[in-house]
Amino acid sequence: MIVVHHLEKSRSFRILWALEELGLPYQIQYYRRTPEYAAPQALKQIHTLGKAPILTDQQAVLVESGAILEYLQSAYDQANHFKPQQKSELQQYLFWLHYAEGSFMPLLVFNLILNLSLKRVPFVVKPITKKYVEGLQQEAIHPRLSDHVTYVEHFLASHDYVAGEFSFADIQMSFPLTALVSREAFDVPHVERYLARIKERPAYQRALKKEQALNEHGA
C-alpha cells in the first residue's frame, strides 16, 4: 500500500493530487506543523531529513516532490497519460518539472523568509533591519523574481499547459505559482487563468477535499 506522509499546508498536497489522477489506492499519514511552523520531529522516523512529502511504497521510501512524481509516473502510468512522449513536449515536461523547485521556488521561499524575519526582530532594531532586508530584496531577490515571473507569464499566455496536454509537470508547477499569486504583488492574469484551469480537474478537487478534512479533523 502506498502511504503519503503529508504535512499540513505544504508541498506534499501535490502528491495527493497525482495519486488521485492515477486512481491509485493510498493512505495518508497526517502531520501538523509545530507552533514555529516547522515539520514535527516524527517525520525523521520515516526519513532522516524529516521533510515532507515522504512517500512509502512497500520497501521504497522517497522524498522530494519531483522525484516522487517521476517515480509514480514511471511505476503506475503505463499508458503515459501524464508524461508526454513527443520530443519537444518531453523537453518542456522535464524543464518545468525541475524548474519549479530548482529555480522558481527558492526565490519565493527566500523572499518569504526575509519578510517573516522582520516580524521577529526586536522593536528597537527593526528600522535598521527593515532597511537592510528591503535593500537585499530590491538588489538580490525582486529583479530575479521579476524575470522569472515575466518568463512564466509570457509562456502561459500561449499555452494551456506547460508541456502540451496536462501532465505531472503541471502538478509540480502548481505550488510555486499558487504561492506567487497569494504572496506576491505581480499582475499575472495568464498564471491565474492557468491555475484556475488545472484546479478544475476532478482529481484536484478530490485531493483538496481530503486535505481540507485532514486540516479540520486531523488523521
N, C-alpha and C. Protein backbone atom coordinates (compact mmCIF):
# COMPACT_ATOMS: atom_id res chain seq x y z
N MET A 1 0.83 -1.20 0.00
CA MET A 1 0.00 0.00 0.00
C MET A 1 0.88 1.26 0.00
N ILE A 2 0.54 2.19 -0.84
CA ILE A 2 1.23 3.48 -0.87
C ILE A 2 0.78 4.31 0.32
N VAL A 3 1.74 4.91 1.00
CA VAL A 3 1.44 5.81 2.12
C VAL A 3 2.10 7.16 1.84
N VAL A 4 1.32 8.22 1.96
CA VAL A 4 1.85 9.57 1.83
C VAL A 4 1.94 10.18 3.22
N HIS A 5 3.14 10.54 3.61
CA HIS A 5 3.35 11.25 4.87
C HIS A 5 3.20 12.73 4.55
N HIS A 6 2.05 13.24 4.94
CA HIS A 6 1.57 14.54 4.46
C HIS A 6 1.61 15.58 5.57
N LEU A 7 2.38 16.63 5.35
CA LEU A 7 2.45 17.75 6.29
C LEU A 7 1.43 18.80 5.91
N GLU A 8 0.69 19.28 6.90
CA GLU A 8 -0.35 20.27 6.61
C GLU A 8 0.23 21.51 5.92
N LYS A 9 -0.56 22.06 5.00
CA LYS A 9 -0.20 23.29 4.30
C LYS A 9 1.20 23.22 3.71
N SER A 10 1.43 22.20 2.92
CA SER A 10 2.78 22.00 2.39
C SER A 10 2.74 21.52 0.95
N ARG A 11 3.93 21.35 0.40
CA ARG A 11 4.07 20.90 -0.98
C ARG A 11 3.59 19.47 -1.18
N SER A 12 3.40 18.74 -0.10
CA SER A 12 3.01 17.34 -0.25
C SER A 12 1.60 17.18 -0.80
N PHE A 13 0.82 18.27 -0.85
CA PHE A 13 -0.50 18.19 -1.48
C PHE A 13 -0.39 17.72 -2.92
N ARG A 14 0.69 18.09 -3.59
CA ARG A 14 0.85 17.70 -4.99
C ARG A 14 0.86 16.19 -5.17
N ILE A 15 1.36 15.48 -4.17
CA ILE A 15 1.42 14.02 -4.27
C ILE A 15 0.02 13.43 -4.13
N LEU A 16 -0.79 14.00 -3.25
CA LEU A 16 -2.18 13.55 -3.15
C LEU A 16 -2.88 13.74 -4.50
N TRP A 17 -2.66 14.88 -5.10
CA TRP A 17 -3.27 15.19 -6.40
C TRP A 17 -2.84 14.17 -7.45
N ALA A 18 -1.54 13.89 -7.52
CA ALA A 18 -1.04 12.94 -8.51
C ALA A 18 -1.65 11.55 -8.31
N LEU A 19 -1.76 11.13 -7.07
CA LEU A 19 -2.34 9.81 -6.79
C LEU A 19 -3.81 9.76 -7.18
N GLU A 20 -4.51 10.87 -6.98
CA GLU A 20 -5.91 10.92 -7.41
C GLU A 20 -6.01 10.86 -8.93
N GLU A 21 -5.10 11.52 -9.62
CA GLU A 21 -5.09 11.45 -11.09
C GLU A 21 -4.87 10.01 -11.56
N LEU A 22 -3.99 9.30 -10.87
CA LEU A 22 -3.68 7.93 -11.25
C LEU A 22 -4.77 6.94 -10.82
N GLY A 23 -5.62 7.37 -9.91
CA GLY A 23 -6.68 6.48 -9.42
C GLY A 23 -6.16 5.35 -8.55
N LEU A 24 -5.05 5.59 -7.85
CA LEU A 24 -4.44 4.55 -7.02
C LEU A 24 -4.98 4.59 -5.60
N PRO A 25 -5.10 3.44 -4.95
CA PRO A 25 -5.42 3.43 -3.52
C PRO A 25 -4.19 3.87 -2.72
N TYR A 26 -4.41 4.63 -1.69
CA TYR A 26 -3.30 5.08 -0.86
C TYR A 26 -3.81 5.49 0.51
N GLN A 27 -2.91 5.55 1.46
CA GLN A 27 -3.22 6.02 2.80
C GLN A 27 -2.48 7.33 3.06
N ILE A 28 -3.03 8.14 3.92
CA ILE A 28 -2.40 9.40 4.30
C ILE A 28 -2.04 9.35 5.78
N GLN A 29 -0.78 9.58 6.07
CA GLN A 29 -0.34 9.79 7.45
C GLN A 29 -0.16 11.29 7.62
N TYR A 30 -0.98 11.88 8.46
CA TYR A 30 -1.07 13.34 8.54
C TYR A 30 -0.22 13.88 9.68
N TYR A 31 0.46 14.99 9.43
CA TYR A 31 1.31 15.63 10.43
C TYR A 31 0.97 17.11 10.51
N ARG A 32 0.79 17.59 11.71
CA ARG A 32 0.59 19.03 11.90
C ARG A 32 1.93 19.73 12.10
N ARG A 33 1.99 20.97 11.73
CA ARG A 33 3.19 21.77 11.94
C ARG A 33 3.33 22.14 13.41
N THR A 34 4.56 22.44 13.82
CA THR A 34 4.81 22.90 15.18
C THR A 34 4.36 24.35 15.31
N PRO A 35 4.30 24.88 16.54
CA PRO A 35 3.97 26.30 16.70
C PRO A 35 4.91 27.24 15.94
N GLU A 36 6.12 26.78 15.67
CA GLU A 36 7.08 27.57 14.89
C GLU A 36 6.91 27.36 13.39
N TYR A 37 5.87 26.65 13.00
CA TYR A 37 5.52 26.37 11.61
C TYR A 37 6.52 25.43 10.95
N ALA A 38 7.21 24.64 11.74
CA ALA A 38 8.17 23.67 11.21
C ALA A 38 7.53 22.28 11.15
N ALA A 39 8.21 21.38 10.46
CA ALA A 39 7.76 19.99 10.42
C ALA A 39 8.07 19.32 11.76
N PRO A 40 7.22 18.42 12.23
CA PRO A 40 7.47 17.76 13.51
C PRO A 40 8.61 16.75 13.41
N GLN A 41 9.22 16.45 14.54
CA GLN A 41 10.33 15.50 14.58
C GLN A 41 9.90 14.10 14.15
N ALA A 42 8.61 13.81 14.26
CA ALA A 42 8.13 12.47 13.91
C ALA A 42 8.45 12.10 12.46
N LEU A 43 8.55 13.08 11.59
CA LEU A 43 8.87 12.78 10.19
C LEU A 43 10.27 12.18 10.04
N LYS A 44 11.17 12.48 10.98
CA LYS A 44 12.52 11.93 10.90
C LYS A 44 12.54 10.43 11.17
N GLN A 45 11.48 9.92 11.75
CA GLN A 45 11.40 8.48 11.95
C GLN A 45 11.12 7.75 10.63
N ILE A 46 10.61 8.49 9.65
CA ILE A 46 10.31 7.91 8.35
C ILE A 46 11.48 8.11 7.39
N HIS A 47 12.06 9.31 7.41
CA HIS A 47 13.23 9.62 6.59
C HIS A 47 14.12 10.56 7.37
N THR A 48 15.41 10.35 7.30
CA THR A 48 16.38 11.11 8.11
C THR A 48 16.23 12.61 7.94
N LEU A 49 15.88 13.08 6.76
CA LEU A 49 15.77 14.51 6.52
C LEU A 49 14.57 15.13 7.23
N GLY A 50 13.57 14.33 7.54
CA GLY A 50 12.42 14.84 8.28
C GLY A 50 11.62 15.90 7.55
N LYS A 51 11.53 15.77 6.24
CA LYS A 51 10.80 16.76 5.45
C LYS A 51 9.68 16.08 4.68
N ALA A 52 8.68 16.86 4.34
CA ALA A 52 7.55 16.34 3.56
C ALA A 52 7.60 16.94 2.16
N PRO A 53 7.07 16.20 1.16
CA PRO A 53 6.40 14.92 1.30
C PRO A 53 7.36 13.74 1.40
N ILE A 54 6.87 12.69 2.04
CA ILE A 54 7.53 11.39 2.00
C ILE A 54 6.51 10.39 1.48
N LEU A 55 6.92 9.58 0.54
CA LEU A 55 6.05 8.52 0.03
C LEU A 55 6.72 7.18 0.27
N THR A 56 5.98 6.27 0.86
CA THR A 56 6.46 4.90 1.01
C THR A 56 5.60 3.99 0.15
N ASP A 57 6.26 3.08 -0.54
CA ASP A 57 5.58 2.12 -1.41
C ASP A 57 6.31 0.80 -1.24
N GLN A 58 5.76 -0.07 -0.41
CA GLN A 58 6.43 -1.30 0.00
C GLN A 58 7.77 -0.94 0.65
N GLN A 59 8.88 -1.33 0.03
CA GLN A 59 10.18 -1.06 0.65
C GLN A 59 10.76 0.30 0.24
N ALA A 60 10.15 0.94 -0.73
CA ALA A 60 10.68 2.22 -1.21
C ALA A 60 10.27 3.36 -0.29
N VAL A 61 11.22 4.24 0.00
CA VAL A 61 10.96 5.46 0.78
C VAL A 61 11.51 6.62 -0.03
N LEU A 62 10.62 7.50 -0.50
CA LEU A 62 11.04 8.57 -1.39
C LEU A 62 10.71 9.93 -0.80
N VAL A 63 11.62 10.88 -1.01
CA VAL A 63 11.38 12.28 -0.68
C VAL A 63 11.63 13.11 -1.94
N GLU A 64 11.28 14.38 -1.85
CA GLU A 64 11.36 15.35 -2.94
C GLU A 64 10.19 15.16 -3.91
N SER A 65 9.41 16.22 -4.04
CA SER A 65 8.19 16.16 -4.85
C SER A 65 8.47 15.70 -6.28
N GLY A 66 9.48 16.28 -6.91
CA GLY A 66 9.79 15.92 -8.28
C GLY A 66 10.16 14.46 -8.43
N ALA A 67 10.97 13.95 -7.50
CA ALA A 67 11.38 12.55 -7.55
C ALA A 67 10.18 11.63 -7.34
N ILE A 68 9.29 12.01 -6.43
CA ILE A 68 8.10 11.20 -6.18
C ILE A 68 7.19 11.18 -7.40
N LEU A 69 7.00 12.33 -8.02
CA LEU A 69 6.17 12.39 -9.22
C LEU A 69 6.76 11.54 -10.34
N GLU A 70 8.08 11.62 -10.51
CA GLU A 70 8.71 10.80 -11.55
C GLU A 70 8.55 9.31 -11.24
N TYR A 71 8.68 8.95 -9.97
CA TYR A 71 8.52 7.55 -9.58
C TYR A 71 7.10 7.07 -9.86
N LEU A 72 6.11 7.85 -9.45
CA LEU A 72 4.72 7.44 -9.64
C LEU A 72 4.38 7.31 -11.12
N GLN A 73 4.87 8.25 -11.92
CA GLN A 73 4.59 8.19 -13.35
C GLN A 73 5.24 6.96 -13.97
N SER A 74 6.48 6.70 -13.62
CA SER A 74 7.19 5.56 -14.19
C SER A 74 6.59 4.23 -13.75
N ALA A 75 6.19 4.16 -12.48
CA ALA A 75 5.71 2.89 -11.93
C ALA A 75 4.26 2.59 -12.25
N TYR A 76 3.43 3.65 -12.37
CA TYR A 76 1.99 3.42 -12.41
C TYR A 76 1.27 4.04 -13.61
N ASP A 77 1.94 4.86 -14.37
CA ASP A 77 1.30 5.48 -15.54
C ASP A 77 1.80 4.80 -16.80
N GLN A 78 1.44 3.55 -16.95
CA GLN A 78 1.98 2.76 -18.06
C GLN A 78 1.56 3.31 -19.43
N ALA A 79 0.40 3.95 -19.48
CA ALA A 79 -0.08 4.50 -20.75
C ALA A 79 0.45 5.90 -21.02
N ASN A 80 1.26 6.42 -20.11
CA ASN A 80 1.85 7.76 -20.25
C ASN A 80 0.79 8.85 -20.43
N HIS A 81 -0.25 8.77 -19.62
CA HIS A 81 -1.26 9.82 -19.65
C HIS A 81 -0.71 11.14 -19.10
N PHE A 82 0.29 11.06 -18.21
CA PHE A 82 0.75 12.25 -17.51
C PHE A 82 2.20 12.61 -17.80
N LYS A 83 2.73 12.05 -18.89
CA LYS A 83 4.07 12.40 -19.35
C LYS A 83 4.08 12.35 -20.87
N PRO A 84 4.37 13.46 -21.53
CA PRO A 84 4.35 13.47 -23.00
C PRO A 84 5.48 12.63 -23.57
N GLN A 85 5.26 12.11 -24.75
CA GLN A 85 6.26 11.28 -25.42
C GLN A 85 6.87 11.96 -26.64
N GLN A 86 6.17 12.94 -27.19
CA GLN A 86 6.72 13.68 -28.33
C GLN A 86 7.93 14.50 -27.87
N LYS A 87 8.99 14.54 -28.65
CA LYS A 87 10.28 15.06 -28.20
C LYS A 87 10.20 16.47 -27.65
N SER A 88 9.62 17.40 -28.39
CA SER A 88 9.61 18.79 -27.94
C SER A 88 8.78 18.96 -26.67
N GLU A 89 7.68 18.24 -26.56
CA GLU A 89 6.85 18.33 -25.36
C GLU A 89 7.53 17.65 -24.18
N LEU A 90 8.26 16.57 -24.44
CA LEU A 90 9.02 15.92 -23.37
C LEU A 90 10.09 16.84 -22.82
N GLN A 91 10.73 17.60 -23.70
CA GLN A 91 11.73 18.56 -23.24
C GLN A 91 11.11 19.60 -22.32
N GLN A 92 9.93 20.09 -22.70
CA GLN A 92 9.23 21.05 -21.85
C GLN A 92 8.83 20.41 -20.52
N TYR A 93 8.37 19.19 -20.59
CA TYR A 93 7.97 18.46 -19.38
C TYR A 93 9.12 18.38 -18.39
N LEU A 94 10.27 17.95 -18.86
CA LEU A 94 11.43 17.82 -17.98
C LEU A 94 11.87 19.18 -17.44
N PHE A 95 11.83 20.19 -18.30
CA PHE A 95 12.22 21.52 -17.86
C PHE A 95 11.33 22.00 -16.72
N TRP A 96 10.01 22.01 -16.93
CA TRP A 96 9.11 22.56 -15.92
C TRP A 96 9.07 21.71 -14.66
N LEU A 97 9.23 20.40 -14.81
CA LEU A 97 9.22 19.52 -13.65
C LEU A 97 10.35 19.87 -12.69
N HIS A 98 11.49 20.26 -13.24
CA HIS A 98 12.65 20.57 -12.40
C HIS A 98 12.80 22.07 -12.14
N TYR A 99 12.31 22.88 -13.05
CA TYR A 99 12.37 24.33 -12.87
C TYR A 99 11.58 24.78 -11.65
N ALA A 100 10.45 24.13 -11.39
CA ALA A 100 9.56 24.55 -10.31
C ALA A 100 10.29 24.67 -8.98
N GLU A 101 11.05 23.63 -8.62
CA GLU A 101 11.75 23.64 -7.34
C GLU A 101 13.21 24.04 -7.47
N GLY A 102 13.77 23.91 -8.66
CA GLY A 102 15.18 24.21 -8.83
C GLY A 102 15.49 25.68 -8.97
N SER A 103 14.60 26.45 -9.62
CA SER A 103 14.86 27.86 -9.88
C SER A 103 13.81 28.79 -9.31
N PHE A 104 12.55 28.44 -9.47
CA PHE A 104 11.46 29.36 -9.14
C PHE A 104 11.15 29.40 -7.64
N MET A 105 10.92 28.23 -7.07
CA MET A 105 10.50 28.18 -5.67
C MET A 105 11.55 28.73 -4.70
N PRO A 106 12.86 28.51 -4.90
CA PRO A 106 13.83 29.06 -3.96
C PRO A 106 13.74 30.58 -3.81
N LEU A 107 13.46 31.30 -4.90
CA LEU A 107 13.31 32.75 -4.81
C LEU A 107 12.11 33.13 -3.95
N LEU A 108 11.01 32.42 -4.13
CA LEU A 108 9.81 32.70 -3.34
C LEU A 108 10.04 32.39 -1.87
N VAL A 109 10.73 31.29 -1.59
CA VAL A 109 11.00 30.92 -0.20
C VAL A 109 11.93 31.92 0.46
N PHE A 110 12.98 32.32 -0.24
CA PHE A 110 13.93 33.29 0.32
C PHE A 110 13.22 34.61 0.62
N ASN A 111 12.38 35.05 -0.29
CA ASN A 111 11.65 36.29 -0.07
C ASN A 111 10.71 36.17 1.11
N LEU A 112 10.05 35.02 1.24
CA LEU A 112 9.15 34.80 2.38
C LEU A 112 9.92 34.81 3.69
N ILE A 113 11.07 34.15 3.71
CA ILE A 113 11.88 34.11 4.94
C ILE A 113 12.30 35.51 5.35
N LEU A 114 12.70 36.32 4.39
CA LEU A 114 13.09 37.70 4.71
C LEU A 114 11.91 38.48 5.29
N ASN A 115 10.73 38.30 4.70
CA ASN A 115 9.55 39.00 5.22
C ASN A 115 9.20 38.54 6.63
N LEU A 116 9.28 37.23 6.86
CA LEU A 116 8.96 36.70 8.19
C LEU A 116 9.99 37.12 9.23
N SER A 117 11.25 37.26 8.80
CA SER A 117 12.30 37.63 9.75
C SER A 117 12.05 38.99 10.37
N LEU A 118 11.44 39.89 9.62
CA LEU A 118 11.16 41.23 10.15
C LEU A 118 10.18 41.18 11.31
N LYS A 119 9.30 40.19 11.32
CA LYS A 119 8.30 40.09 12.38
C LYS A 119 8.90 39.64 13.70
N ARG A 120 10.10 39.06 13.65
CA ARG A 120 10.73 38.52 14.86
C ARG A 120 11.85 39.41 15.39
N VAL A 121 12.08 40.52 14.72
CA VAL A 121 13.16 41.42 15.13
C VAL A 121 12.68 42.32 16.27
N PRO A 122 13.49 42.51 17.33
CA PRO A 122 13.12 43.42 18.41
C PRO A 122 12.80 44.82 17.87
N PHE A 123 11.86 45.47 18.50
CA PHE A 123 11.37 46.76 18.02
C PHE A 123 12.48 47.79 17.87
N VAL A 124 13.43 47.78 18.80
CA VAL A 124 14.46 48.83 18.81
C VAL A 124 15.38 48.77 17.59
N VAL A 125 15.54 47.60 17.02
CA VAL A 125 16.43 47.47 15.86
C VAL A 125 15.66 47.24 14.56
N LYS A 126 14.34 47.24 14.65
CA LYS A 126 13.55 46.94 13.46
C LYS A 126 13.78 47.94 12.32
N PRO A 127 13.88 49.26 12.57
CA PRO A 127 14.10 50.19 11.45
C PRO A 127 15.37 49.89 10.66
N ILE A 128 16.45 49.57 11.38
CA ILE A 128 17.71 49.26 10.70
C ILE A 128 17.60 47.94 9.93
N THR A 129 17.02 46.95 10.60
CA THR A 129 16.86 45.64 9.96
C THR A 129 15.95 45.73 8.74
N LYS A 130 14.88 46.49 8.87
CA LYS A 130 13.94 46.65 7.77
C LYS A 130 14.62 47.26 6.55
N LYS A 131 15.46 48.26 6.81
CA LYS A 131 16.17 48.91 5.71
C LYS A 131 17.11 47.92 5.03
N TYR A 132 17.79 47.10 5.83
CA TYR A 132 18.72 46.11 5.27
C TYR A 132 17.97 45.05 4.46
N VAL A 133 16.89 44.53 5.03
CA VAL A 133 16.12 43.48 4.35
C VAL A 133 15.53 44.00 3.05
N GLU A 134 14.95 45.18 3.08
CA GLU A 134 14.36 45.75 1.87
C GLU A 134 15.42 46.00 0.80
N GLY A 135 16.61 46.42 1.23
CA GLY A 135 17.70 46.62 0.28
C GLY A 135 18.12 45.31 -0.36
N LEU A 136 18.19 44.25 0.47
CA LEU A 136 18.55 42.93 -0.04
C LEU A 136 17.50 42.43 -1.03
N GLN A 137 16.24 42.64 -0.69
CA GLN A 137 15.17 42.22 -1.60
C GLN A 137 15.23 42.97 -2.92
N GLN A 138 15.45 44.26 -2.85
CA GLN A 138 15.46 45.08 -4.07
C GLN A 138 16.67 44.78 -4.95
N GLU A 139 17.79 44.44 -4.31
CA GLU A 139 19.01 44.20 -5.08
C GLU A 139 19.13 42.75 -5.56
N ALA A 140 18.76 41.80 -4.70
CA ALA A 140 19.06 40.40 -4.99
C ALA A 140 17.85 39.54 -5.33
N ILE A 141 16.68 39.87 -4.80
CA ILE A 141 15.53 38.99 -4.96
C ILE A 141 14.56 39.49 -6.02
N HIS A 142 14.05 40.70 -5.84
CA HIS A 142 12.97 41.18 -6.71
C HIS A 142 13.33 41.22 -8.20
N PRO A 143 14.54 41.67 -8.58
CA PRO A 143 14.85 41.65 -10.02
C PRO A 143 14.85 40.24 -10.61
N ARG A 144 15.42 39.29 -9.88
CA ARG A 144 15.45 37.91 -10.36
C ARG A 144 14.06 37.30 -10.39
N LEU A 145 13.30 37.56 -9.33
CA LEU A 145 11.94 37.03 -9.28
C LEU A 145 11.10 37.62 -10.40
N SER A 146 11.28 38.90 -10.66
CA SER A 146 10.54 39.55 -11.74
C SER A 146 10.85 38.91 -13.09
N ASP A 147 12.12 38.57 -13.32
CA ASP A 147 12.50 37.90 -14.57
C ASP A 147 11.77 36.57 -14.73
N HIS A 148 11.71 35.81 -13.65
CA HIS A 148 11.06 34.50 -13.70
C HIS A 148 9.55 34.65 -13.89
N VAL A 149 8.96 35.60 -13.19
CA VAL A 149 7.52 35.81 -13.32
C VAL A 149 7.17 36.22 -14.75
N THR A 150 7.96 37.11 -15.31
CA THR A 150 7.73 37.54 -16.70
C THR A 150 7.83 36.35 -17.66
N TYR A 151 8.83 35.52 -17.43
CA TYR A 151 9.02 34.34 -18.29
C TYR A 151 7.82 33.40 -18.24
N VAL A 152 7.38 33.08 -17.02
CA VAL A 152 6.26 32.14 -16.86
C VAL A 152 4.97 32.74 -17.41
N GLU A 153 4.73 34.00 -17.10
CA GLU A 153 3.51 34.66 -17.58
C GLU A 153 3.47 34.69 -19.11
N HIS A 154 4.60 35.00 -19.72
CA HIS A 154 4.66 35.04 -21.18
C HIS A 154 4.42 33.65 -21.78
N PHE A 155 4.99 32.64 -21.17
CA PHE A 155 4.80 31.27 -21.68
C PHE A 155 3.34 30.85 -21.60
N LEU A 156 2.71 31.11 -20.46
CA LEU A 156 1.33 30.68 -20.27
C LEU A 156 0.33 31.51 -21.07
N ALA A 157 0.78 32.62 -21.60
CA ALA A 157 -0.10 33.41 -22.47
C ALA A 157 -0.46 32.65 -23.74
N SER A 158 0.38 31.70 -24.13
CA SER A 158 0.14 30.97 -25.38
C SER A 158 0.08 29.45 -25.18
N HIS A 159 0.00 29.01 -23.92
CA HIS A 159 -0.07 27.57 -23.65
C HIS A 159 -1.10 27.30 -22.56
N ASP A 160 -1.96 26.32 -22.81
CA ASP A 160 -2.92 25.91 -21.79
C ASP A 160 -2.25 25.13 -20.67
N TYR A 161 -1.24 24.35 -21.03
CA TYR A 161 -0.48 23.55 -20.06
C TYR A 161 1.00 23.71 -20.38
N VAL A 162 1.86 23.29 -19.47
CA VAL A 162 3.28 23.59 -19.66
C VAL A 162 3.98 22.65 -20.63
N ALA A 163 3.35 21.49 -20.93
CA ALA A 163 4.02 20.52 -21.81
C ALA A 163 3.01 19.83 -22.71
N GLY A 164 2.33 20.61 -23.52
CA GLY A 164 1.32 20.03 -24.40
C GLY A 164 0.01 19.85 -23.68
N GLU A 165 -0.36 18.60 -23.38
CA GLU A 165 -1.54 18.31 -22.58
C GLU A 165 -1.18 18.31 -21.10
N PHE A 166 -2.19 18.23 -20.25
CA PHE A 166 -1.95 18.19 -18.81
C PHE A 166 -1.01 17.05 -18.46
N SER A 167 -0.05 17.34 -17.56
CA SER A 167 0.93 16.34 -17.15
C SER A 167 1.33 16.57 -15.70
N PHE A 168 2.17 15.70 -15.20
CA PHE A 168 2.66 15.87 -13.83
C PHE A 168 3.51 17.13 -13.68
N ALA A 169 4.02 17.66 -14.77
CA ALA A 169 4.75 18.93 -14.69
C ALA A 169 3.82 20.06 -14.28
N ASP A 170 2.56 19.99 -14.68
CA ASP A 170 1.58 21.00 -14.24
C ASP A 170 1.33 20.88 -12.75
N ILE A 171 1.25 19.66 -12.25
CA ILE A 171 1.09 19.48 -10.81
C ILE A 171 2.29 20.07 -10.07
N GLN A 172 3.47 19.84 -10.59
CA GLN A 172 4.68 20.35 -9.94
C GLN A 172 4.70 21.88 -9.93
N MET A 173 4.28 22.49 -11.02
CA MET A 173 4.29 23.95 -11.10
C MET A 173 3.17 24.60 -10.29
N SER A 174 2.17 23.84 -9.92
CA SER A 174 1.01 24.44 -9.25
C SER A 174 1.37 25.09 -7.93
N PHE A 175 2.29 24.49 -7.18
CA PHE A 175 2.58 25.03 -5.84
C PHE A 175 3.30 26.38 -5.90
N PRO A 176 4.42 26.52 -6.62
CA PRO A 176 5.06 27.83 -6.66
C PRO A 176 4.18 28.91 -7.28
N LEU A 177 3.36 28.55 -8.26
CA LEU A 177 2.50 29.56 -8.87
C LEU A 177 1.38 29.97 -7.92
N THR A 178 0.86 29.03 -7.16
CA THR A 178 -0.14 29.38 -6.15
C THR A 178 0.48 30.29 -5.09
N ALA A 179 1.71 29.97 -4.68
CA ALA A 179 2.41 30.82 -3.72
C ALA A 179 2.65 32.21 -4.29
N LEU A 180 3.01 32.28 -5.55
CA LEU A 180 3.23 33.57 -6.21
C LEU A 180 1.98 34.42 -6.16
N VAL A 181 0.87 33.86 -6.56
CA VAL A 181 -0.38 34.62 -6.64
C VAL A 181 -0.85 35.05 -5.25
N SER A 182 -0.63 34.23 -4.24
CA SER A 182 -1.15 34.53 -2.91
C SER A 182 -0.24 35.46 -2.11
N ARG A 183 1.07 35.50 -2.43
CA ARG A 183 2.00 36.24 -1.58
C ARG A 183 2.64 37.45 -2.24
N GLU A 184 2.72 37.46 -3.55
CA GLU A 184 3.49 38.50 -4.24
C GLU A 184 2.57 39.41 -5.04
N ALA A 185 3.01 40.66 -5.22
CA ALA A 185 2.18 41.67 -5.90
C ALA A 185 2.57 41.77 -7.37
N PHE A 186 2.27 40.74 -8.13
CA PHE A 186 2.51 40.75 -9.56
C PHE A 186 1.19 40.65 -10.31
N ASP A 187 1.12 41.31 -11.44
CA ASP A 187 -0.06 41.21 -12.30
C ASP A 187 0.17 40.05 -13.27
N VAL A 188 -0.48 38.92 -13.01
CA VAL A 188 -0.22 37.71 -13.79
C VAL A 188 -1.55 37.06 -14.20
N PRO A 189 -2.30 37.69 -15.07
CA PRO A 189 -3.60 37.14 -15.45
C PRO A 189 -3.51 35.77 -16.12
N HIS A 190 -2.46 35.53 -16.89
CA HIS A 190 -2.34 34.23 -17.55
C HIS A 190 -2.01 33.12 -16.55
N VAL A 191 -1.20 33.45 -15.56
CA VAL A 191 -0.93 32.49 -14.49
C VAL A 191 -2.21 32.17 -13.73
N GLU A 192 -2.99 33.20 -13.43
CA GLU A 192 -4.23 32.99 -12.69
C GLU A 192 -5.21 32.14 -13.48
N ARG A 193 -5.31 32.37 -14.77
CA ARG A 193 -6.21 31.55 -15.60
C ARG A 193 -5.71 30.11 -15.68
N TYR A 194 -4.41 29.96 -15.77
CA TYR A 194 -3.82 28.62 -15.80
C TYR A 194 -4.13 27.85 -14.52
N LEU A 195 -3.93 28.50 -13.38
CA LEU A 195 -4.22 27.85 -12.10
C LEU A 195 -5.69 27.48 -11.99
N ALA A 196 -6.56 28.38 -12.41
CA ALA A 196 -7.99 28.08 -12.36
C ALA A 196 -8.31 26.87 -13.24
N ARG A 197 -7.65 26.77 -14.38
CA ARG A 197 -7.90 25.68 -15.32
C ARG A 197 -7.49 24.33 -14.71
N ILE A 198 -6.28 24.25 -14.19
CA ILE A 198 -5.82 22.95 -13.70
C ILE A 198 -6.51 22.57 -12.39
N LYS A 199 -6.94 23.57 -11.62
CA LYS A 199 -7.61 23.26 -10.35
C LYS A 199 -9.08 22.88 -10.53
N GLU A 200 -9.57 22.97 -11.74
CA GLU A 200 -10.92 22.48 -12.02
C GLU A 200 -10.95 20.97 -12.20
N ARG A 201 -9.80 20.34 -12.33
CA ARG A 201 -9.76 18.91 -12.58
C ARG A 201 -10.37 18.14 -11.41
N PRO A 202 -11.17 17.11 -11.70
CA PRO A 202 -11.81 16.34 -10.62
C PRO A 202 -10.81 15.76 -9.62
N ALA A 203 -9.65 15.32 -10.10
CA ALA A 203 -8.65 14.75 -9.19
C ALA A 203 -8.13 15.80 -8.22
N TYR A 204 -7.94 17.01 -8.69
CA TYR A 204 -7.53 18.10 -7.80
C TYR A 204 -8.59 18.33 -6.74
N GLN A 205 -9.84 18.38 -7.14
CA GLN A 205 -10.92 18.64 -6.20
C GLN A 205 -11.03 17.52 -5.16
N ARG A 206 -10.83 16.28 -5.57
CA ARG A 206 -10.87 15.17 -4.61
C ARG A 206 -9.73 15.29 -3.60
N ALA A 207 -8.53 15.59 -4.10
CA ALA A 207 -7.39 15.75 -3.19
C ALA A 207 -7.61 16.92 -2.24
N LEU A 208 -8.18 18.00 -2.75
CA LEU A 208 -8.43 19.18 -1.92
C LEU A 208 -9.41 18.86 -0.80
N LYS A 209 -10.46 18.12 -1.11
CA LYS A 209 -11.44 17.76 -0.08
C LYS A 209 -10.80 16.89 1.00
N LYS A 210 -9.94 15.98 0.59
CA LYS A 210 -9.25 15.14 1.58
C LYS A 210 -8.34 15.98 2.47
N GLU A 211 -7.62 16.91 1.86
CA GLU A 211 -6.73 17.75 2.65
C GLU A 211 -7.52 18.64 3.59
N GLN A 212 -8.59 19.22 3.13
CA GLN A 212 -9.41 20.08 3.98
C GLN A 212 -9.98 19.32 5.16
N ALA A 213 -10.40 18.08 4.94
CA ALA A 213 -10.92 17.26 6.03
C ALA A 213 -9.83 16.96 7.05
N LEU A 214 -8.61 16.70 6.57
CA LEU A 214 -7.49 16.44 7.47
C LEU A 214 -7.12 17.69 8.26
N ASN A 215 -7.09 18.84 7.59
CA ASN A 215 -6.77 20.08 8.29
C ASN A 215 -7.78 20.39 9.38
N GLU A 216 -9.02 19.99 9.15
CA GLU A 216 -10.08 20.28 10.12
C GLU A 216 -10.12 19.27 11.26
N HIS A 217 -9.92 18.00 10.92
CA HIS A 217 -10.12 16.95 11.92
C HIS A 217 -8.85 16.19 12.27
N GLY A 218 -7.79 16.32 11.47
CA GLY A 218 -6.58 15.56 11.71
C GLY A 218 -6.70 14.16 11.15
N ALA A 219 -5.66 13.35 11.41
CA ALA A 219 -5.64 11.98 10.85
C ALA A 219 -6.74 11.13 11.45
